């Protein structure tokens, strides 16, 4: 079992920001309506706190997978818990977006074992949750041109409601899998949409919507990307290619844009192949390839052994149920092997913090890792195994 030791770089919050590392930060029971403190938790980047305002930080503009140069900040706020489960909430807030900047406030729910996808919430308007839950979390996104404006959001509140005016996003029995065109992101030294600074041979992917964007150092939203013979399990840490509001993995009714396209088909693919939207992306640029996912260099070259942009099969793991585990390593990647031992051929990789699918477990070589010493190996795809010693996960049925 080999793990690389790359230097992990990430943007830091202002000193006033509270940092927690649990997958689900502790949240005390609250009344039916509560203020959400302006204290970003782990997963936040490039924001500052000014009183009860969350303001875009001072990091320089960066070009990410969307190839749009801008300054961006992201703040995930501490979750709140209601006395009872709710299937919809009303989020309230104040905001300012001067000089071409923008703000977005999103909400998600905890269903007992995982977070739902992020859903945009308009202030004072009921927002349907994908699944009922007694805990919700709010996320703030602030975006601005390379110089000038500093957008902000303040006075965030959230309350349960039984009035729903927005379509409810669905959770499928099995995660969506689609065949899409993959391109290499590169951009070493650049900053992703969640504040991660890209290093050489990095391990993450970009998808063209923030609905499935994980916070920095998190793999809440992860994908399985496969060729005919290899698979990679990677966290979603950037937004792109081409579009930033194309959650093509969702059903048409709940898609952010391009609601007339079939589920699983990226807008860029439709524009390139079919002349959709006048062959343009959402920013009016002529689409030069049908890409629906960008792969960091380590995923592209090392995990999948790609020599050029290529069609791949992508499974969006948060869109359905099934066995899951989390890669628990401090940096780099975990090798995926074709047998439950460290001499098995490497047939893929799993990046730091990524979720992996678990089909079953079997016994094999004893390995010592972050989760202790164990001879249990997890089958994450047909003929592909990882040592449970490096995976935070429960117990699964025998292969």
Protein backbone atom coordinates (compact mmCIF):
# COMPACT_ATOMS: atom_id res chain seq x y z
CA UNK A 1 0.00 0.00 0.00
CA UNK A 2 1.61 3.27 -1.10
CA UNK A 3 0.56 6.79 -0.27
CA UNK A 4 2.23 9.83 -1.77
CA UNK A 5 3.27 12.65 0.50
CA UNK A 6 2.46 15.85 -1.35
CA UNK A 7 2.36 19.25 0.24
CA UNK A 8 -1.26 20.09 1.05
CA UNK A 9 -2.04 23.74 0.51
CA UNK A 10 -5.33 25.41 1.35
CA UNK A 11 -6.59 28.91 1.82
CA UNK A 12 -6.95 30.04 5.42
CA UNK A 13 -9.84 31.83 7.05
CA UNK A 14 -9.52 35.01 9.05
CA UNK A 15 -8.49 34.48 12.65
CA UNK A 16 -12.06 35.01 13.81
CA UNK A 17 -13.38 31.98 11.94
CA UNK A 18 -14.12 28.88 13.98
CA UNK A 19 -12.62 25.66 12.60
CA UNK A 20 -14.10 22.24 13.28
CA UNK A 21 -13.10 18.93 11.71
CA UNK A 22 -16.03 16.58 12.32
CA UNK A 23 -18.02 15.39 9.32
CA UNK A 24 -21.14 16.64 11.07
CA UNK A 25 -20.30 19.53 13.45
CA UNK A 26 -22.16 19.32 16.76
CA UNK A 27 -25.34 21.38 16.76
CA UNK A 28 -27.57 21.95 19.76
CA UNK A 29 -31.36 21.82 19.55
CA UNK A 30 -32.80 25.24 18.72
CA UNK A 31 -36.23 26.90 18.57
CA UNK A 32 -38.24 26.69 15.34
CA UNK A 33 -36.48 29.78 14.01
CA UNK A 34 -32.89 30.64 14.77
CA UNK A 35 -30.15 33.00 13.78
CA UNK A 36 -27.19 31.28 12.16
CA UNK A 37 -23.95 32.64 13.60
CA UNK A 38 -21.49 34.21 11.18
CA UNK A 39 -18.79 31.69 12.07
CA UNK A 40 -17.64 29.57 9.14
CA UNK A 41 -16.70 25.97 9.89
CA UNK A 42 -14.24 23.64 8.16
CA UNK A 43 -14.64 23.74 4.40
CA UNK A 44 -14.74 27.53 4.17
CA UNK A 45 -12.26 29.75 2.33
CA UNK A 46 -11.45 33.40 1.53
CA UNK A 47 -14.04 35.09 3.71
CA UNK A 48 -13.67 37.52 6.59
CA UNK A 49 -16.04 38.29 9.44
CA UNK A 50 -17.08 41.86 10.06
CA UNK A 51 -19.59 41.88 12.90
CA UNK A 52 -22.42 39.67 11.67
CA UNK A 53 -21.39 40.05 8.03
CA UNK A 54 -19.60 37.42 5.98
CA UNK A 55 -17.50 39.39 3.49
CA UNK A 56 -15.37 38.32 0.51
CA UNK A 57 -11.72 38.04 1.59
CA UNK A 58 -8.58 39.52 0.09
CA UNK A 59 -7.25 36.57 -1.93
CA UNK A 60 -6.33 37.48 -5.49
CA UNK A 61 -8.50 36.53 -8.45
CA UNK A 62 -7.86 33.04 -9.78
CA UNK A 63 -8.77 31.08 -12.90
CA UNK A 64 -10.40 27.75 -12.09
CA UNK A 65 -11.88 25.00 -14.22
CA UNK A 66 -14.56 27.36 -15.56
CA UNK A 67 -11.74 29.54 -17.00
CA UNK A 68 -13.49 32.64 -15.60
CA UNK A 69 -11.12 34.89 -13.67
CA UNK A 70 -12.75 36.10 -10.48
CA UNK A 71 -12.38 36.44 -6.74
CA UNK A 72 -14.45 33.93 -4.79
CA UNK A 73 -15.23 33.13 -1.18
CA UNK A 74 -17.15 30.27 0.40
CA UNK A 75 -18.47 29.97 3.95
CA UNK A 76 -20.17 26.88 5.35
CA UNK A 77 -21.96 27.88 8.57
CA UNK A 78 -22.48 25.67 11.62
CA UNK A 79 -25.50 23.34 11.22
CA UNK A 80 -28.66 23.99 13.21
CA UNK A 81 -31.07 21.40 14.63
CA UNK A 82 -34.83 21.71 14.89
CA UNK A 83 -37.04 19.97 17.44
CA UNK A 84 -38.61 17.87 14.66
CA UNK A 85 -37.78 16.85 11.10
CA UNK A 86 -38.81 19.20 8.32
CA UNK A 87 -39.03 18.80 4.56
CA UNK A 88 -38.68 22.51 3.77
CA UNK A 89 -37.14 25.62 5.30
CA UNK A 90 -37.29 29.38 4.98
CA UNK A 91 -33.86 31.00 4.95
CA UNK A 92 -33.65 34.71 5.67
CA UNK A 93 -30.66 36.99 5.09
CA UNK A 94 -29.46 40.41 3.99
CA UNK A 95 -26.88 40.84 1.24
CA UNK A 96 -25.08 43.39 -0.91
CA UNK A 97 -23.44 42.73 -4.29
CA UNK A 98 -21.91 45.96 -5.67
CA UNK A 99 -20.01 46.57 -8.91
CA UNK A 100 -20.69 43.34 -10.81
CA UNK A 101 -20.27 41.03 -7.81
CA UNK A 102 -22.78 38.42 -6.66
CA UNK A 103 -23.93 36.48 -3.61
CA UNK A 104 -25.60 33.10 -3.25
CA UNK A 105 -27.08 31.42 -0.19
CA UNK A 106 -27.56 27.63 -0.27
CA UNK A 107 -29.06 25.12 2.15
CA UNK A 108 -28.80 21.36 2.62
CA UNK A 109 -30.20 18.77 5.03
CA UNK A 110 -28.79 15.84 7.01
CA UNK A 111 -30.80 12.63 6.47
CA UNK A 112 -29.19 10.53 9.21
CA UNK A 113 -26.13 9.29 7.34
CA UNK A 114 -25.18 11.92 4.78
CA UNK A 115 -25.78 15.45 3.55
CA UNK A 116 -28.10 16.21 0.65
CA UNK A 117 -26.99 18.31 -2.30
CA UNK A 118 -26.88 22.09 -1.88
CA UNK A 119 -30.02 23.97 -2.98
CA UNK A 120 -30.14 27.73 -3.62
CA UNK A 121 -32.41 29.60 -1.20
CA UNK A 122 -34.01 32.99 -1.85
CA UNK A 123 -34.48 35.09 1.27
CA UNK A 124 -37.95 34.62 2.77
CA UNK A 125 -39.02 32.01 0.21
CA UNK A 126 -39.74 28.38 1.27
CA UNK A 127 -37.12 26.00 -0.11
CA UNK A 128 -37.83 22.26 -0.45
CA UNK A 129 -35.19 19.91 0.94
CA UNK A 130 -34.27 16.71 -0.96
CA UNK A 131 -35.03 14.69 2.18
CA UNK A 132 -36.67 15.49 5.49
CA UNK A 133 -34.29 16.02 8.39
CA UNK A 134 -33.98 17.80 11.71
CA UNK A 135 -30.61 19.35 10.84
CA UNK A 136 -29.83 21.84 8.10
CA UNK A 137 -26.76 23.78 7.09
CA UNK A 138 -26.39 27.09 5.23
CA UNK A 139 -23.58 28.00 2.83
CA UNK A 140 -22.63 31.48 1.60
CA UNK A 141 -20.89 32.07 -1.76
CA UNK A 142 -19.55 35.51 -2.64
CA UNK A 143 -18.10 36.24 -6.10
CA UNK A 144 -16.56 39.39 -7.58
CA UNK A 145 -14.53 40.64 -10.56
CA UNK A 146 -10.70 40.63 -10.23
CA UNK A 147 -10.68 44.05 -8.52
CA UNK A 148 -13.05 46.26 -6.62
CA UNK A 149 -16.25 45.08 -4.97
CA UNK A 150 -16.57 43.11 -1.75
CA UNK A 151 -19.98 41.42 -1.62
CA UNK A 152 -21.37 40.33 1.75
CA UNK A 153 -24.20 38.40 3.43
CA UNK A 154 -25.48 38.99 6.97
CA UNK A 155 -28.29 38.27 9.46
CA UNK A 156 -28.82 34.68 8.35
CA UNK A 157 -31.82 32.88 9.85
CA UNK A 158 -33.44 29.53 9.09
CA UNK A 159 -36.84 28.12 10.04
CA UNK A 160 -38.84 24.97 9.20
CA UNK A 161 -41.99 25.32 7.10
CA UNK A 162 -44.72 23.15 5.62
CA UNK A 163 -45.15 25.48 2.65
CA UNK A 164 -43.13 24.48 -0.42
CA UNK A 165 -42.88 26.60 -3.57
CA UNK A 166 -39.75 25.12 -5.16
CA UNK A 167 -39.39 21.67 -6.83
CA UNK A 168 -38.01 18.98 -4.55
CA UNK A 169 -34.72 17.42 -5.65
CA UNK A 170 -34.85 13.62 -5.73
CA UNK A 171 -32.57 10.99 -4.22
CA UNK A 172 -32.31 7.90 -6.40
CA UNK A 173 -32.04 4.29 -5.32
CA UNK A 174 -28.71 4.13 -7.17
CA UNK A 175 -26.38 7.02 -7.96
CA UNK A 176 -26.57 8.46 -11.46
CA UNK A 177 -23.94 7.17 -13.88
CA UNK A 178 -23.27 8.93 -17.18
CA UNK A 179 -20.82 8.68 -20.07
CA UNK A 180 -19.16 12.09 -20.45
CA UNK A 181 -16.11 13.68 -22.00
CA UNK A 182 -13.25 14.35 -19.57
CA UNK A 183 -10.56 17.02 -19.95
CA UNK A 184 -7.40 17.67 -17.94
CA UNK A 185 -7.57 20.71 -15.66
CA UNK A 186 -3.87 21.32 -14.92
CA UNK A 187 -3.57 24.89 -13.53
CA UNK A 188 -0.95 23.94 -10.92
CA UNK A 189 -0.61 26.82 -8.45
CA UNK A 190 -4.14 28.02 -9.18
CA UNK A 191 -6.98 28.05 -6.68
CA UNK A 192 -10.13 25.95 -7.00
CA UNK A 193 -13.67 27.13 -6.26
CA UNK A 194 -13.45 25.76 -2.71
CA UNK A 195 -10.12 27.45 -1.92
CA UNK A 196 -7.79 24.51 -2.55
CA UNK A 197 -4.44 25.49 -4.07
CA UNK A 198 -3.63 23.04 -6.86
CA UNK A 199 -0.40 21.06 -6.49
CA UNK A 200 1.47 18.87 -8.96
CA UNK A 201 -0.26 15.52 -9.74
CA UNK A 202 -3.25 16.58 -7.65
CA UNK A 203 -6.34 14.48 -6.93
CA UNK A 204 -9.76 16.09 -7.37
CA UNK A 205 -12.31 16.77 -10.11
CA UNK A 206 -14.38 19.73 -11.29
CA UNK A 207 -18.08 19.61 -12.18
CA UNK A 208 -19.99 22.52 -13.75
CA UNK A 209 -22.23 23.38 -10.77
CA UNK A 210 -21.66 24.39 -7.15
CA UNK A 211 -24.55 22.16 -6.05
CA UNK A 212 -22.09 19.27 -5.81
CA UNK A 213 -19.04 21.25 -4.61
CA UNK A 214 -17.33 19.90 -1.49
CA UNK A 215 -15.74 22.22 1.02
CA UNK A 216 -11.97 22.31 1.19
CA UNK A 217 -10.48 19.13 2.68
CA UNK A 218 -13.91 17.43 2.37
CA UNK A 219 -15.18 14.67 0.11
CA UNK A 220 -18.89 14.96 0.89
CA UNK A 221 -19.47 15.18 -2.85
CA UNK A 222 -17.28 12.65 -4.66
CA UNK A 223 -17.33 10.81 -7.98
CA UNK A 224 -16.20 7.47 -9.32
CA UNK A 225 -14.56 7.97 -12.72
CA UNK A 226 -13.81 4.84 -14.76
CA UNK A 227 -12.29 3.80 -18.06
CA UNK A 228 -12.60 0.26 -19.39
CA UNK A 229 -9.90 -0.99 -17.00
CA UNK A 230 -9.27 1.61 -14.26
CA UNK A 231 -11.26 3.67 -11.75
CA UNK A 232 -10.58 6.78 -9.66
CA UNK A 233 -12.51 7.97 -6.61
CA UNK A 234 -12.11 11.72 -6.18
CA UNK A 235 -13.65 14.68 -4.31
CA UNK A 236 -15.35 17.50 -6.23
CA UNK A 237 -13.24 20.58 -5.41
CA UNK A 238 -13.74 22.87 -8.41
CA UNK A 239 -16.45 24.25 -10.71
CA UNK A 240 -16.32 23.76 -14.49
CA UNK A 241 -15.65 22.98 -17.29
CA UNK A 242 -17.41 25.68 -19.33
CA UNK A 243 -20.48 26.27 -17.16
CA UNK A 244 -21.04 26.95 -13.46
CA UNK A 245 -24.80 26.27 -13.24
CA UNK A 246 -25.08 22.99 -15.14
CA UNK A 247 -25.97 20.26 -12.62
CA UNK A 248 -26.64 17.84 -15.46
CA UNK A 249 -26.73 14.84 -13.08
CA UNK A 250 -30.09 16.06 -11.73
CA UNK A 251 -33.50 15.46 -13.36
CA UNK A 252 -34.63 18.16 -15.78
CA UNK A 253 -37.30 19.54 -13.43
CA UNK A 254 -34.77 20.50 -10.75
CA UNK A 255 -31.81 21.38 -12.97
CA UNK A 256 -30.43 24.91 -12.40
CA UNK A 257 -30.33 25.75 -16.12
CA UNK A 258 -30.91 23.94 -19.41
CA UNK A 259 -34.07 22.21 -18.15
CA UNK A 260 -34.91 20.95 -21.66
CA UNK A 261 -31.82 18.72 -21.76
CA UNK A 262 -32.02 15.07 -20.64
CA UNK A 263 -30.61 14.06 -17.28
CA UNK A 264 -26.95 13.08 -17.55
CA UNK A 265 -26.16 15.20 -20.63
CA UNK A 266 -23.88 18.22 -20.00
CA UNK A 267 -24.82 21.49 -21.71
CA UNK A 268 -21.33 21.70 -23.23
CA UNK A 269 -21.85 18.30 -24.87
CA UNK A 270 -25.20 19.39 -26.31
CA UNK A 271 -23.70 22.67 -27.53
CA UNK A 272 -20.71 20.97 -29.16
CA UNK A 273 -22.50 17.99 -30.70
CA UNK A 274 -25.96 19.37 -31.42
CA UNK A 275 -25.52 23.13 -31.73
CA UNK A 276 -27.57 23.64 -28.56
CA UNK A 277 -27.74 27.25 -27.28
CA UNK A 278 -26.10 28.45 -30.47
CA UNK A 279 -23.00 26.37 -29.64
CA UNK A 280 -22.39 28.65 -26.63
CA UNK A 281 -21.93 28.07 -22.89
CA UNK A 282 -23.75 30.14 -20.24
CA UNK A 283 -21.17 32.91 -20.61
CA UNK A 284 -21.60 33.19 -24.39
CA UNK A 285 -18.32 31.46 -25.25
CA UNK A 286 -18.21 29.07 -28.20
CA UNK A 287 -17.85 25.56 -26.77
CA UNK A 288 -14.67 23.94 -28.14
CA UNK A 289 -15.20 20.44 -26.69
CA UNK A 290 -18.07 18.47 -25.11
CA UNK A 291 -16.48 18.26 -21.64
CA UNK A 292 -18.69 17.42 -18.64
CA UNK A 293 -15.90 16.91 -16.11
CA UNK A 294 -12.36 18.19 -15.52
CA UNK A 295 -9.73 15.93 -13.95
CA UNK A 296 -6.74 17.09 -11.94
CA UNK A 297 -3.39 15.87 -13.28
CA UNK A 298 -2.99 13.03 -10.78
CA UNK A 299 -6.41 11.66 -11.71
CA UNK A 300 -5.86 12.11 -15.44
CA UNK A 301 -2.30 10.79 -15.79
CA UNK A 302 -1.79 8.50 -12.79
CA UNK A 303 -5.14 7.10 -11.67
CA UNK A 304 -6.72 6.62 -15.11
CA UNK A 305 -3.54 6.57 -17.28
CA UNK A 306 -5.11 8.86 -19.88
CA UNK A 307 -2.89 10.22 -22.64
CA UNK A 308 -5.46 12.67 -24.02
CA UNK A 309 -8.94 14.00 -23.27
CA UNK A 310 -11.31 11.05 -23.35
CA UNK A 311 -14.81 9.70 -22.73
CA UNK A 312 -15.24 8.18 -19.27
CA UNK A 313 -18.01 6.76 -17.09
CA UNK A 314 -18.78 8.98 -14.09
CA UNK A 315 -20.88 8.01 -11.07
CA UNK A 316 -22.05 10.94 -8.90
CA UNK A 317 -21.93 9.20 -5.54
CA UNK A 318 -24.11 11.59 -3.49
CA UNK A 319 -27.11 11.21 -5.86
CA UNK A 320 -28.09 7.76 -4.58
CA UNK A 321 -27.86 5.29 -1.74
CA UNK A 322 -25.37 2.47 -1.20
CA UNK A 323 -22.35 1.43 0.86
CA UNK A 324 -19.76 4.18 1.33
CA UNK A 325 -16.43 4.75 3.01
CA UNK A 326 -14.14 7.77 3.29
CA UNK A 327 -10.45 7.76 2.36
CA UNK A 328 -8.67 8.71 5.59
CA UNK A 329 -5.15 9.83 4.62
CA UNK A 330 -3.29 13.06 5.33
CA UNK A 331 -2.26 13.77 1.73
CA UNK A 332 -1.91 12.28 -1.72
CA UNK A 333 -3.83 9.18 -2.76
CA UNK A 334 -4.56 5.56 -1.94
CA UNK A 335 -3.83 2.84 -4.49
CA UNK A 336 -6.73 0.69 -5.67
CA UNK A 337 -5.56 -2.88 -6.41
CA UNK A 338 -6.89 -5.88 -8.30
CA UNK A 339 -6.51 -8.20 -5.31
CA UNK A 340 -6.84 -7.80 -1.50
CA UNK A 341 -3.11 -7.40 -0.91
CA UNK A 342 -0.35 -4.84 -1.46
CA UNK A 343 1.22 -6.86 -4.29
CA UNK A 344 -1.92 -6.73 -6.42
CA UNK A 345 -1.67 -4.63 -9.60
CA UNK A 346 -2.67 -0.99 -9.24
CA UNK A 347 -5.92 -0.47 -11.20
CA UNK A 348 -6.87 2.96 -9.91
CA UNK A 349 -6.52 5.47 -7.10
CA UNK A 350 -8.63 7.20 -4.46
CA UNK A 351 -7.85 10.78 -3.48
CA UNK A 352 -7.63 12.25 0.01
CA UNK A 353 -11.07 12.63 1.66
CA UNK A 354 -12.86 11.01 -1.28
CA UNK A 355 -15.89 8.80 -0.80
CA UNK A 356 -15.57 5.27 -2.20
CA UNK A 357 -18.34 2.87 -3.08
CA UNK A 358 -18.28 -0.38 -1.08
CA UNK A 359 -19.80 -3.50 -2.60
CA UNK A 360 -18.64 -5.95 0.07
CA UNK A 361 -15.64 -6.86 2.23
CA UNK A 362 -13.19 -9.74 2.23
CA UNK A 363 -10.09 -10.83 4.12
CA UNK A 364 -6.60 -10.36 2.75
CA UNK A 365 -3.20 -9.02 3.73
CA UNK A 366 -3.00 -7.34 7.14
CA UNK A 367 -2.35 -3.60 6.79
CA UNK A 368 -1.72 -0.86 9.34
CA UNK A 369 -3.18 2.54 8.51
CA UNK A 370 -5.06 5.52 9.90
CA UNK A 371 -7.89 3.25 11.08
CA UNK A 372 -5.62 0.76 12.85
CA UNK A 373 -4.41 -2.68 11.78
CA UNK A 374 -6.80 -4.86 9.81
CA UNK A 375 -6.85 -7.71 7.29
CA UNK A 376 -10.19 -6.53 5.90
CA UNK A 377 -10.25 -5.26 2.32
CA UNK A 378 -13.18 -3.49 0.67
CA UNK A 379 -14.28 -4.20 -2.88
CA UNK A 380 -15.02 -0.81 -4.40
CA UNK A 381 -15.70 -1.96 -7.96
CA UNK A 382 -15.61 -5.28 -9.79
CA UNK A 383 -12.06 -6.63 -9.31
CA UNK A 384 -10.91 -3.55 -7.35
CA UNK A 385 -9.98 -3.42 -3.65
CA UNK A 386 -8.70 -1.01 -0.99
CA UNK A 387 -7.46 -1.81 2.52
CA UNK A 388 -10.02 -0.92 5.20
CA UNK A 389 -7.13 0.21 7.38
CA UNK A 390 -7.15 3.46 5.35
CA UNK A 391 -10.96 3.80 5.01
CA UNK A 392 -13.34 5.23 7.60
CA UNK A 393 -16.36 2.96 7.18
CA UNK A 394 -18.69 0.54 8.90
CA UNK A 395 -19.03 -3.21 8.40
CA UNK A 396 -20.26 -4.68 5.11
CA UNK A 397 -21.42 -8.06 3.85
CA UNK A 398 -18.83 -10.65 2.82
CA UNK A 399 -17.84 -10.88 -0.85
